[in-house]
Amino acid sequence: MSEKSGMPVKQEVFLESGVHIGTKIRTNDMRGYIFKRRDDGLYILDLRKSAERLMDAAKMLAKYKPEDVWVVASRVYSSNPASKFAELTGVNIVKGRFVPGTMTNMNIKRFTEPKILFVCDPKGEHEAIAESAKNGVPVIALCDTDNDTKFIDLVIPINNKGKRSLALIFYILSRELMMAQGRIKSYEEFTHDINFFEQLVLDEEKKAAVPAETTEAAKPEAPAAPAPAEKKKEE
């Protein structure tokens, strides 16, 4: 925590990650979280409110057992860092499309009953929010300037579309939740950097490419096997 700013990371880190940069659309629900509108039409979020809500979210999540927490991340840029968050803290994650009925239809194979839900995109994950509302499950959501906040209990005003922004958000949430869980005793013990949350897919693709390259390399060598037999014929 930065003592001077009261933020979980230095303000420069927030700015460099574009956490404060919204869209050219501002809903009435998000009016109170706007700092200003730039000359290019983009709305800028109030960083102090973003930081404050982010820390509130970490404290709220810490009150629940990891197995009772579900994160819904439908986009690639959110599912990457959210997966790391789940890996480090033990919470559950739903990546990609949220199947309707997941929290309301007991006949669905992946039926689940979370006690708290964390969504990364209220537009794309509106079904999960609606089902949580029906079940009385509290919802924490990353909300951009163009989002509506109906049925959302804790709004985190944030750029929820940027790759670097989302990586920073889950970096902070992972660190704070692991502290609350007692998995680390200080920030110094948190050994992962923001890049760790940002480059998940790239790392996996590189690993997956190794066996693929090996297989391809082996193919041209296959025809060489009959060579000894040809020598015998010549003899």
Protein backbone atom coordinates (compact mmCIF):
# COMPACT_ATOMS: atom_id res chain seq x y z
CA MET A 1 0.00 0.00 0.00
CA SER A 2 1.37 3.38 -0.96
CA GLU A 3 1.42 5.47 2.23
CA LYS A 4 1.25 8.83 0.45
CA SER A 5 -1.60 8.04 -1.92
CA GLY A 6 -3.46 5.42 0.11
CA MET A 7 -3.52 3.26 -3.03
CA PRO A 8 -2.61 -0.44 -3.29
CA VAL A 9 0.08 0.46 -5.85
CA LYS A 10 1.69 3.74 -6.87
CA GLN A 11 -0.55 6.05 -8.87
CA GLU A 12 1.90 5.91 -11.77
CA VAL A 13 1.31 2.14 -12.06
CA PHE A 14 -2.44 2.72 -12.31
CA LEU A 15 -1.92 5.37 -14.96
CA GLU A 16 0.55 3.30 -16.99
CA SER A 17 -1.90 0.38 -16.99
CA GLY A 18 -4.75 2.55 -18.26
CA VAL A 19 -7.02 1.57 -15.38
CA HIS A 20 -8.64 5.02 -15.47
CA ILE A 21 -9.36 5.19 -19.21
CA GLY A 22 -13.03 4.60 -19.95
CA THR A 23 -15.06 4.66 -23.13
CA LYS A 24 -16.85 7.43 -25.06
CA ILE A 25 -20.11 6.32 -23.50
CA ARG A 26 -21.18 7.18 -19.97
CA THR A 27 -24.26 5.64 -18.40
CA ASN A 28 -26.22 7.39 -15.66
CA ASP A 29 -25.19 4.61 -13.27
CA MET A 30 -21.51 5.44 -13.72
CA ARG A 31 -21.87 9.22 -13.55
CA GLY A 32 -20.56 9.40 -9.99
CA TYR A 33 -17.33 7.59 -10.85
CA ILE A 34 -16.25 9.93 -13.66
CA PHE A 35 -13.35 12.32 -13.12
CA LYS A 36 -13.57 14.16 -16.44
CA ARG A 37 -14.10 13.85 -20.17
CA ARG A 38 -11.06 14.19 -22.42
CA ASP A 39 -10.94 16.26 -25.60
CA ASP A 40 -11.08 13.04 -27.65
CA GLY A 41 -14.40 12.13 -26.03
CA LEU A 42 -13.13 9.41 -23.69
CA TYR A 43 -14.42 9.51 -20.13
CA ILE A 44 -11.80 9.23 -17.40
CA LEU A 45 -12.56 7.37 -14.18
CA ASP A 46 -11.72 8.69 -10.72
CA LEU A 47 -8.63 6.68 -9.72
CA ARG A 48 -9.13 7.19 -6.01
CA LYS A 49 -12.61 5.71 -6.19
CA SER A 50 -11.27 2.84 -8.29
CA ALA A 51 -8.57 2.06 -5.73
CA GLU A 52 -10.97 2.39 -2.81
CA ARG A 53 -13.55 0.03 -4.34
CA LEU A 54 -10.86 -2.44 -5.34
CA MET A 55 -9.66 -2.71 -1.75
CA ASP A 56 -13.28 -2.99 -0.55
CA ALA A 57 -13.75 -5.89 -2.96
CA ALA A 58 -10.69 -7.69 -1.62
CA LYS A 59 -11.97 -7.32 1.95
CA MET A 60 -15.42 -8.51 0.93
CA LEU A 61 -14.07 -11.59 -0.86
CA ALA A 62 -11.87 -12.42 2.13
CA LYS A 63 -14.99 -12.99 4.24
CA TYR A 64 -15.89 -16.06 2.17
CA LYS A 65 -14.29 -19.47 1.81
CA PRO A 66 -12.47 -19.76 -1.56
CA GLU A 67 -14.76 -22.57 -2.69
CA ASP A 68 -17.79 -20.30 -2.23
CA VAL A 69 -16.38 -17.57 -4.48
CA TRP A 70 -17.02 -17.72 -8.23
CA VAL A 71 -15.43 -15.49 -10.85
CA VAL A 72 -17.05 -15.16 -14.28
CA ALA A 73 -14.65 -14.06 -17.02
CA SER A 74 -16.11 -14.29 -20.52
CA ARG A 75 -13.41 -12.40 -22.41
CA VAL A 76 -9.87 -13.52 -23.16
CA TYR A 77 -8.31 -10.43 -21.60
CA SER A 78 -10.18 -11.08 -18.36
CA SER A 79 -10.03 -14.88 -18.29
CA ASN A 80 -6.22 -14.89 -18.45
CA PRO A 81 -5.55 -12.90 -15.26
CA ALA A 82 -8.70 -14.25 -13.58
CA SER A 83 -7.35 -17.78 -14.07
CA LYS A 84 -4.16 -16.82 -12.28
CA PHE A 85 -6.20 -15.23 -9.52
CA ALA A 86 -8.17 -18.46 -9.11
CA GLU A 87 -4.98 -20.53 -9.17
CA LEU A 88 -3.34 -18.48 -6.42
CA THR A 89 -6.31 -17.99 -4.12
CA GLY A 90 -8.33 -21.17 -4.63
CA VAL A 91 -11.53 -19.49 -5.84
CA ASN A 92 -13.58 -20.92 -8.71
CA ILE A 93 -13.72 -19.55 -12.23
CA VAL A 94 -16.10 -19.77 -15.18
CA LYS A 95 -14.30 -18.86 -18.40
CA GLY A 96 -16.00 -18.06 -21.67
CA ARG A 97 -19.76 -18.12 -22.12
CA PHE A 98 -21.83 -18.41 -18.97
CA VAL A 99 -24.40 -21.16 -19.53
CA PRO A 100 -27.92 -20.00 -18.60
CA GLY A 101 -29.27 -21.96 -15.66
CA THR A 102 -25.84 -22.60 -14.12
CA MET A 103 -27.07 -21.19 -10.80
CA THR A 104 -30.81 -21.85 -11.14
CA ASN A 105 -31.25 -25.22 -12.87
CA MET A 106 -30.19 -28.18 -10.70
CA ASN A 107 -30.37 -30.50 -13.72
CA ILE A 108 -27.44 -28.79 -15.42
CA LYS A 109 -24.20 -30.73 -15.09
CA ARG A 110 -22.23 -27.70 -13.92
CA PHE A 111 -24.90 -26.44 -11.55
CA THR A 112 -23.36 -24.43 -8.75
CA GLU A 113 -24.47 -22.34 -5.79
CA PRO A 114 -21.87 -19.65 -5.10
CA LYS A 115 -22.17 -17.46 -2.05
CA ILE A 116 -20.62 -14.49 -3.82
CA LEU A 117 -20.04 -13.72 -7.50
CA PHE A 118 -17.34 -11.62 -9.15
CA VAL A 119 -17.96 -10.58 -12.76
CA CYS A 120 -15.52 -8.89 -15.14
CA ASP A 121 -17.96 -7.55 -17.73
CA PRO A 122 -21.56 -6.76 -16.73
CA LYS A 123 -22.62 -6.63 -20.40
CA GLY A 124 -21.29 -10.01 -21.46
CA GLU A 125 -22.02 -11.64 -18.09
CA HIS A 126 -25.50 -10.21 -17.49
CA GLU A 127 -27.03 -13.70 -17.24
CA ALA A 128 -24.77 -14.58 -14.30
CA ILE A 129 -25.74 -11.31 -12.59
CA ALA A 130 -29.47 -11.97 -13.15
CA GLU A 131 -29.25 -15.48 -11.72
CA SER A 132 -27.33 -14.21 -8.71
CA ALA A 133 -30.08 -11.64 -8.09
CA LYS A 134 -32.70 -14.41 -8.14
CA ASN A 135 -30.74 -16.38 -5.56
CA GLY A 136 -29.83 -13.43 -3.37
CA VAL A 137 -26.11 -13.83 -4.11
CA PRO A 138 -24.06 -10.62 -3.73
CA VAL A 139 -22.27 -9.46 -6.88
CA ILE A 140 -18.99 -7.60 -7.25
CA ALA A 141 -18.35 -6.26 -10.75
CA LEU A 142 -15.66 -4.50 -12.73
CA CYS A 143 -17.62 -1.68 -14.34
CA ASP A 144 -16.49 0.61 -17.15
CA THR A 145 -18.08 3.96 -18.00
CA ASP A 146 -20.54 2.28 -20.39
CA ASN A 147 -21.92 -0.26 -17.90
CA ASP A 148 -25.23 -0.40 -16.06
CA THR A 149 -25.01 -1.44 -12.43
CA LYS A 150 -28.42 -3.04 -11.81
CA PHE A 151 -28.22 -5.96 -9.35
CA ILE A 152 -24.55 -5.19 -8.62
CA ASP A 153 -23.75 -4.83 -4.93
CA LEU A 154 -20.21 -3.50 -5.21
CA VAL A 155 -19.10 -1.53 -8.26
CA ILE A 156 -15.39 -1.33 -9.05
CA PRO A 157 -15.07 1.55 -11.55
CA ILE A 158 -12.33 0.37 -13.85
CA ASN A 159 -11.23 -0.09 -17.45
CA ASN A 160 -12.55 -3.65 -17.82
CA LYS A 161 -11.47 -4.03 -21.46
CA GLY A 162 -7.73 -3.35 -21.40
CA LYS A 163 -5.31 -6.25 -21.14
CA ARG A 164 -2.84 -4.41 -18.90
CA SER A 165 -5.59 -2.88 -16.80
CA LEU A 166 -7.17 -6.26 -16.05
CA ALA A 167 -3.78 -7.78 -15.29
CA LEU A 168 -3.13 -5.09 -12.68
CA ILE A 169 -6.58 -5.52 -11.13
CA PHE A 170 -6.11 -9.25 -10.58
CA TYR A 171 -2.52 -8.72 -9.45
CA ILE A 172 -3.81 -6.49 -6.66
CA LEU A 173 -6.77 -8.73 -5.80
CA SER A 174 -4.54 -11.83 -5.65
CA ARG A 175 -2.03 -10.15 -3.38
CA GLU A 176 -4.66 -8.71 -1.03
CA LEU A 177 -6.69 -11.93 -0.82
CA MET A 178 -3.61 -14.07 -0.22
CA MET A 179 -2.64 -11.71 2.60
CA ALA A 180 -6.12 -12.07 4.11
CA GLN A 181 -5.96 -15.86 3.73
CA GLY A 182 -2.60 -15.98 5.50
CA ARG A 183 -0.86 -17.47 2.47
CA ILE A 184 1.62 -14.61 2.53
CA LYS A 185 2.54 -12.41 5.50
CA SER A 186 3.79 -9.38 3.60
CA TYR A 187 3.78 -7.84 0.13
CA GLU A 188 7.42 -8.84 -0.18
CA GLU A 189 6.37 -12.50 -0.11
CA PHE A 190 4.13 -11.99 -3.13
CA THR A 191 6.59 -12.96 -5.85
CA HIS A 192 4.40 -12.51 -8.94
CA ASP A 193 4.51 -9.35 -11.04
CA ILE A 194 1.87 -7.83 -13.30
CA ASN A 195 3.34 -9.57 -16.36
CA PHE A 196 2.56 -12.91 -14.73
CA PHE A 197 -1.15 -12.05 -14.93
CA GLU A 198 -0.96 -10.51 -18.38
CA GLN A 199 0.92 -13.17 -20.34
CA LEU A 200 -0.81 -16.38 -19.29
CA VAL A 201 -2.05 -17.40 -22.75
CA LEU A 202 1.27 -16.57 -24.40
CA ASP A 203 3.12 -18.76 -21.94
CA GLU A 204 0.72 -21.67 -22.50
CA GLU A 205 0.97 -21.33 -26.26
CA LYS A 206 4.75 -21.51 -26.06
CA LYS A 207 4.56 -24.66 -23.96
CA ALA A 208 2.03 -26.22 -26.31
CA ALA A 209 4.21 -25.36 -29.28
CA VAL A 210 7.13 -27.45 -28.02
CA PRO A 211 5.61 -30.92 -28.55
CA ALA A 212 4.02 -29.72 -31.78
CA GLU A 213 7.39 -28.64 -33.16
CA THR A 214 8.97 -31.88 -32.03
CA THR A 215 6.31 -33.86 -33.86
CA GLU A 216 6.74 -31.86 -37.03
CA ALA A 217 10.50 -32.26 -36.87
CA ALA A 218 10.16 -36.01 -36.57
CA LYS A 219 8.03 -36.39 -39.69
CA PRO A 220 10.79 -35.84 -42.32
CA GLU A 221 12.97 -38.44 -40.61
CA ALA A 222 10.43 -41.21 -41.06
CA PRO A 223 11.30 -42.04 -44.71
CA ALA A 224 14.92 -42.57 -43.70
CA ALA A 225 14.03 -45.80 -41.88
CA PRO A 226 14.00 -48.08 -45.01
CA ALA A 227 17.59 -47.10 -45.87
CA PRO A 228 19.22 -50.17 -44.27
CA ALA A 229 16.89 -52.45 -46.23
CA GLU A 230 17.95 -50.82 -49.51
CA LYS A 231 21.60 -51.50 -48.71
CA LYS A 232 20.88 -55.19 -48.21
CA LYS A 233 19.25 -55.34 -51.61
CA GLU A 234 22.33 -53.83 -53.21
CA GLU A 235 24.53 -56.40 -51.49
